[in-house]
Amino acid sequence: MVAVDDYVPPLNRLIHALKFSGQSSLAQPLARLLLLAVLQARRQRALPKIDMVVSVPLYRRRHWRRGYNQSDLLCRPLARWLGCRYDARALTRVHATAIQHQLSARLRKRNLKNAFRLELPVDGLHIAIVDDVVTTGSTVAELSRLLLQSGAASVQVWCLCRTL
């Protein structure tokens, strides 16, 4: 996993503003921070170059209410800067799930079972899942499982913050 930092100030407040206060203009500077973390991790850990970034999908109703998907807003500039593929339709959330941050680790895992569908072929691709915050890892674990079962060569997880 590549993370910019733990979920602590000031980054946690910026993410909250991006996600819940409609401040989508924060996405590009936050994506730049994530890019720097990824480049540093590549130098330190010899991570394979990725072919494609994928965003964590929101259910259509939540996406409509928020007006955007914060993960999508992070992926767009990252893909451009890294010269890799990105398609916002690669993954879909096929049913509404309870809001993850309100659930225990056990319930998060159950909440996400079969919640996602892959819409594009990923055979042999090195993929990075981009999320804003990784807490228990249930969401990215379920997406990783789906991508690897569908033939992805490798899956990395990139996030702005991880919880302590």
C-alpha atoms as a PDB file:
ATOM      1  CA  MET A   1       0.000   0.000   0.000  1.00  0.00           C
ATOM      2  CA  VAL A   2       1.150   3.508  -0.792  1.00  0.00           C
ATOM      3  CA  ALA A   3      -0.283   6.216   1.469  1.00  0.00           C
ATOM      4  CA  VAL A   4       0.571   9.892   1.743  1.00  0.00           C
ATOM      5  CA  ASP A   5       0.101   9.858   5.518  1.00  0.00           C
ATOM      6  CA  ASP A   6      -2.005   8.613   8.393  1.00  0.00           C
ATOM      7  CA  TYR A   7      -5.510  10.043   8.812  1.00  0.00           C
ATOM      8  CA  VAL A   8      -4.390  13.029  10.882  1.00  0.00           C
ATOM      9  CA  PRO A   9      -4.521  16.826  10.533  1.00  0.00           C
ATOM     10  CA  PRO A  10      -4.250  18.640   8.250  1.00  0.00           C
ATOM     11  CA  LEU A  11      -4.791  15.959   5.583  1.00  0.00           C
ATOM     12  CA  ASN A  12      -7.883  14.466   7.218  1.00  0.00           C
ATOM     13  CA  ARG A  13      -9.603  17.871   7.151  1.00  0.00           C
ATOM     14  CA  LEU A  14      -8.778  18.360   3.475  1.00  0.00           C
ATOM     15  CA  ILE A  15     -10.169  14.933   2.615  1.00  0.00           C
ATOM     16  CA  HIS A  16     -13.307  15.650   4.627  1.00  0.00           C
ATOM     17  CA  ALA A  17     -13.755  18.940   2.740  1.00  0.00           C
ATOM     18  CA  LEU A  18     -13.287  17.148  -0.589  1.00  0.00           C
ATOM     19  CA  LYS A  19     -15.727  14.395   0.285  1.00  0.00           C
ATOM     20  CA  PHE A  20     -18.467  16.089   2.259  1.00  0.00           C
ATOM     21  CA  SER A  21     -18.232  19.837   1.638  1.00  0.00           C
ATOM     22  CA  GLY A  22     -18.243  19.896  -2.149  1.00  0.00           C
ATOM     23  CA  GLN A  23     -14.699  21.223  -2.429  1.00  0.00           C
ATOM     24  CA  SER A  24     -13.799  19.215  -5.522  1.00  0.00           C
ATOM     25  CA  SER A  25     -11.058  21.744  -6.364  1.00  0.00           C
ATOM     26  CA  LEU A  26      -8.964  20.031  -3.665  1.00  0.00           C
ATOM     27  CA  ALA A  27      -8.747  16.849  -5.742  1.00  0.00           C
ATOM     28  CA  GLN A  28      -5.882  17.894  -8.006  1.00  0.00           C
ATOM     29  CA  PRO A  29      -3.537  19.142  -5.237  1.00  0.00           C
ATOM     30  CA  LEU A  30      -4.336  16.007  -3.215  1.00  0.00           C
ATOM     31  CA  ALA A  31      -3.652  13.863  -6.293  1.00  0.00           C
ATOM     32  CA  ARG A  32      -0.275  15.618  -6.598  1.00  0.00           C
ATOM     33  CA  LEU A  33       0.562  14.595  -3.027  1.00  0.00           C
ATOM     34  CA  LEU A  34      -0.392  11.023  -3.875  1.00  0.00           C
ATOM     35  CA  LEU A  35       1.752  11.118  -7.018  1.00  0.00           C
ATOM     36  CA  LEU A  36       4.766  12.187  -4.971  1.00  0.00           C
ATOM     37  CA  ALA A  37       4.149   9.345  -2.501  1.00  0.00           C
ATOM     38  CA  VAL A  38       3.875   6.829  -5.361  1.00  0.00           C
ATOM     39  CA  LEU A  39       7.092   8.042  -6.993  1.00  0.00           C
ATOM     40  CA  GLN A  40       8.914   7.844  -3.665  1.00  0.00           C
ATOM     41  CA  ALA A  41       7.553   4.332  -3.022  1.00  0.00           C
ATOM     42  CA  ARG A  42       8.711   3.237  -6.484  1.00  0.00           C
ATOM     43  CA  ARG A  43      12.247   4.383  -5.703  1.00  0.00           C
ATOM     44  CA  GLN A  44      12.275   2.730  -2.276  1.00  0.00           C
ATOM     45  CA  ARG A  45      10.404  -0.526  -2.971  1.00  0.00           C
ATOM     46  CA  ALA A  46      10.815  -1.179  -6.694  1.00  0.00           C
ATOM     47  CA  LEU A  47       7.060  -1.311  -7.313  1.00  0.00           C
ATOM     48  CA  PRO A  48       6.112  -2.441 -10.819  1.00  0.00           C
ATOM     49  CA  LYS A  49       4.975   0.268 -13.199  1.00  0.00           C
ATOM     50  CA  ILE A  50       1.208   0.215 -13.486  1.00  0.00           C
ATOM     51  CA  ASP A  51      -0.803   0.002 -16.700  1.00  0.00           C
ATOM     52  CA  MET A  52      -4.078   1.305 -15.313  1.00  0.00           C
ATOM     53  CA  VAL A  53      -5.525   3.135 -12.327  1.00  0.00           C
ATOM     54  CA  VAL A  54      -9.047   2.370 -11.141  1.00  0.00           C
ATOM     55  CA  SER A  55     -11.248   4.390  -8.839  1.00  0.00           C
ATOM     56  CA  VAL A  56     -13.335   2.984  -6.020  1.00  0.00           C
ATOM     57  CA  PRO A  57     -16.872   3.292  -7.361  1.00  0.00           C
ATOM     58  CA  LEU A  58     -19.740   4.897  -5.497  1.00  0.00           C
ATOM     59  CA  TYR A  59     -23.255   3.559  -5.799  1.00  0.00           C
ATOM     60  CA  ARG A  60     -25.151   5.717  -8.317  1.00  0.00           C
ATOM     61  CA  ARG A  61     -27.439   7.289  -5.697  1.00  0.00           C
ATOM     62  CA  ARG A  62     -24.502   8.352  -3.482  1.00  0.00           C
ATOM     63  CA  HIS A  63     -22.649   9.628  -6.548  1.00  0.00           C
ATOM     64  CA  TRP A  64     -25.692  11.645  -7.581  1.00  0.00           C
ATOM     65  CA  ARG A  65     -26.101  13.146  -4.071  1.00  0.00           C
ATOM     66  CA  ARG A  66     -22.419  14.091  -3.776  1.00  0.00           C
ATOM     67  CA  GLY A  67     -22.177  15.234  -7.387  1.00  0.00           C
ATOM     68  CA  TYR A  68     -18.864  13.476  -7.995  1.00  0.00           C
ATOM     69  CA  ASN A  69     -16.731  10.539  -6.926  1.00  0.00           C
ATOM     70  CA  GLN A  70     -13.667  11.778  -5.036  1.00  0.00           C
ATOM     71  CA  SER A  71     -11.666   8.698  -6.066  1.00  0.00           C
ATOM     72  CA  ASP A  72     -12.444   9.431  -9.725  1.00  0.00           C
ATOM     73  CA  LEU A  73     -11.246  13.027  -9.270  1.00  0.00           C
ATOM     74  CA  LEU A  74      -7.940  11.709  -7.908  1.00  0.00           C
ATOM     75  CA  CYS A  75      -7.514   9.156 -10.721  1.00  0.00           C
ATOM     76  CA  ARG A  76      -7.926  11.533 -13.641  1.00  0.00           C
ATOM     77  CA  PRO A  77      -4.799  13.641 -13.084  1.00  0.00           C
ATOM     78  CA  LEU A  78      -2.812  10.652 -11.779  1.00  0.00           C
ATOM     79  CA  ALA A  79      -3.403   8.723 -15.007  1.00  0.00           C
ATOM     80  CA  ARG A  80      -2.419  11.761 -17.071  1.00  0.00           C
ATOM     81  CA  TRP A  81       0.758  12.404 -15.071  1.00  0.00           C
ATOM     82  CA  LEU A  82       1.771   8.724 -15.088  1.00  0.00           C
ATOM     83  CA  GLY A  83       0.829   8.123 -18.725  1.00  0.00           C
ATOM     84  CA  CYS A  84      -1.401   5.145 -17.920  1.00  0.00           C
ATOM     85  CA  ARG A  85      -4.986   4.140 -18.666  1.00  0.00           C
ATOM     86  CA  TYR A  86      -7.994   5.222 -16.685  1.00  0.00           C
ATOM     87  CA  ASP A  87     -11.648   4.581 -17.350  1.00  0.00           C
ATOM     88  CA  ALA A  88     -14.165   5.650 -14.709  1.00  0.00           C
ATOM     89  CA  ARG A  89     -16.429   2.796 -15.834  1.00  0.00           C
ATOM     90  CA  ALA A  90     -13.893   0.012 -15.114  1.00  0.00           C
ATOM     91  CA  LEU A  91     -15.597  -0.907 -11.836  1.00  0.00           C
ATOM     92  CA  THR A  92     -19.189  -0.409 -10.754  1.00  0.00           C
ATOM     93  CA  ARG A  93     -20.873  -0.762  -7.411  1.00  0.00           C
ATOM     94  CA  VAL A  94     -23.845  -2.972  -8.191  1.00  0.00           C
ATOM     95  CA  HIS A  95     -25.851  -2.355  -5.045  1.00  0.00           C
ATOM     96  CA  ALA A  96     -26.037   0.236  -2.320  1.00  0.00           C
ATOM     97  CA  THR A  97     -24.032  -0.581   0.778  1.00  0.00           C
ATOM     98  CA  ALA A  98     -24.053   0.930   4.237  1.00  0.00           C
ATOM     99  CA  ILE A  99     -21.526   3.720   4.763  1.00  0.00           C
ATOM    100  CA  GLN A 100     -18.315   1.919   5.661  1.00  0.00           C
ATOM    101  CA  HIS A 101     -16.959   4.257   8.329  1.00  0.00           C
ATOM    102  CA  GLN A 102     -20.000   3.523  10.492  1.00  0.00           C
ATOM    103  CA  LEU A 103     -19.413  -0.263  10.560  1.00  0.00           C
ATOM    104  CA  SER A 104     -17.139  -2.655  12.440  1.00  0.00           C
ATOM    105  CA  ALA A 105     -14.408  -4.481  10.514  1.00  0.00           C
ATOM    106  CA  ARG A 106     -16.486  -7.692  10.411  1.00  0.00           C
ATOM    107  CA  LEU A 107     -19.570  -5.890   9.120  1.00  0.00           C
ATOM    108  CA  ARG A 108     -17.529  -3.948   6.534  1.00  0.00           C
ATOM    109  CA  LYS A 109     -16.378  -7.192   4.970  1.00  0.00           C
ATOM    110  CA  ARG A 110     -19.915  -8.628   4.856  1.00  0.00           C
ATOM    111  CA  ASN A 111     -21.281  -5.288   3.582  1.00  0.00           C
ATOM    112  CA  LEU A 112     -19.042  -5.430   0.500  1.00  0.00           C
ATOM    113  CA  LYS A 113     -19.495  -9.061  -0.496  1.00  0.00           C
ATOM    114  CA  ASN A 114     -20.368  -9.077  -4.222  1.00  0.00           C
ATOM    115  CA  ALA A 115     -20.913  -5.300  -4.165  1.00  0.00           C
ATOM    116  CA  PHE A 116     -18.676  -4.642  -7.200  1.00  0.00           C
ATOM    117  CA  ARG A 117     -18.549  -5.684 -10.837  1.00  0.00           C
ATOM    118  CA  LEU A 118     -15.687  -5.389 -13.298  1.00  0.00           C
ATOM    119  CA  GLU A 119     -16.760  -3.837 -16.594  1.00  0.00           C
ATOM    120  CA  LEU A 120     -13.485  -3.958 -18.586  1.00  0.00           C
ATOM    121  CA  PRO A 121     -10.928  -6.702 -19.305  1.00  0.00           C
ATOM    122  CA  VAL A 122      -7.829  -6.540 -17.095  1.00  0.00           C
ATOM    123  CA  ASP A 123      -5.911  -9.637 -18.281  1.00  0.00           C
ATOM    124  CA  GLY A 124      -2.210  -9.216 -17.590  1.00  0.00           C
ATOM    125  CA  LEU A 125      -2.486  -5.597 -16.421  1.00  0.00           C
ATOM    126  CA  HIS A 126      -0.713  -4.085 -13.425  1.00  0.00           C
ATOM    127  CA  ILE A 127      -3.409  -2.044 -11.699  1.00  0.00           C
ATOM    128  CA  ALA A 128      -3.506   0.542  -8.915  1.00  0.00           C
ATOM    129  CA  ILE A 129      -6.718   1.028  -6.939  1.00  0.00           C
ATOM    130  CA  VAL A 130      -6.967   4.678  -5.876  1.00  0.00           C
ATOM    131  CA  ASP A 131      -8.944   5.604  -2.760  1.00  0.00           C
ATOM    132  CA  ASP A 132      -9.043   8.585  -0.458  1.00  0.00           C
ATOM    133  CA  VAL A 133      -8.915   6.744   2.884  1.00  0.00           C
ATOM    134  CA  VAL A 134      -8.198   3.101   3.687  1.00  0.00           C
ATOM    135  CA  THR A 135      -9.491   2.118   7.113  1.00  0.00           C
ATOM    136  CA  THR A 136      -9.822  -1.638   7.593  1.00  0.00           C
ATOM    137  CA  GLY A 137      -8.952  -2.362   3.964  1.00  0.00           C
ATOM    138  CA  SER A 138     -12.222  -4.205   3.307  1.00  0.00           C
ATOM    139  CA  THR A 139     -13.117  -2.193   0.209  1.00  0.00           C
ATOM    140  CA  VAL A 140      -9.713  -2.441  -1.446  1.00  0.00           C
ATOM    141  CA  ALA A 141      -9.434  -6.119  -0.478  1.00  0.00           C
ATOM    142  CA  GLU A 142     -12.733  -6.909  -2.195  1.00  0.00           C
ATOM    143  CA  LEU A 143     -11.741  -4.903  -5.289  1.00  0.00           C
ATOM    144  CA  SER A 144      -8.281  -6.550  -5.355  1.00  0.00           C
ATOM    145  CA  ARG A 145      -9.870  -9.994  -5.148  1.00  0.00           C
ATOM    146  CA  LEU A 146     -12.158  -9.173  -8.070  1.00  0.00           C
ATOM    147  CA  LEU A 147      -9.327  -7.757 -10.203  1.00  0.00           C
ATOM    148  CA  LEU A 148      -6.952 -10.657  -9.518  1.00  0.00           C
ATOM    149  CA  GLN A 149      -9.680 -13.268 -10.148  1.00  0.00           C
ATOM    150  CA  SER A 150     -10.335 -11.510 -13.453  1.00  0.00           C
ATOM    151  CA  GLY A 151      -6.726 -11.883 -14.584  1.00  0.00           C
ATOM    152  CA  ALA A 152      -4.901  -8.750 -13.406  1.00  0.00           C
ATOM    153  CA  ALA A 153      -1.139  -9.378 -13.141  1.00  0.00           C
ATOM    154  CA  SER A 154      -0.848  -7.344  -9.931  1.00  0.00           C
ATOM    155  CA  VAL A 155      -2.808  -4.894  -7.824  1.00  0.00           C
ATOM    156  CA  GLN A 156      -1.434  -2.008  -5.789  1.00  0.00           C
ATOM    157  CA  VAL A 157      -3.430   0.177  -3.403  1.00  0.00           C
ATOM    158  CA  TRP A 158      -2.778   3.907  -3.408  1.00  0.00           C
ATOM    159  CA  CYS A 159      -4.529   6.184  -0.921  1.00  0.00           C
ATOM    160  CA  LEU A 160      -4.216   9.628   0.570  1.00  0.00           C
ATOM    161  CA  CYS A 161      -4.555   8.354   4.131  1.00  0.00           C
ATOM    162  CA  ARG A 162      -4.703   5.188   6.117  1.00  0.00           C
ATOM    163  CA  THR A 163      -6.180   5.092   9.574  1.00  0.00           C
ATOM    164  CA  LEU A 164      -3.997   4.533  12.607  1.00  0.00           C
END
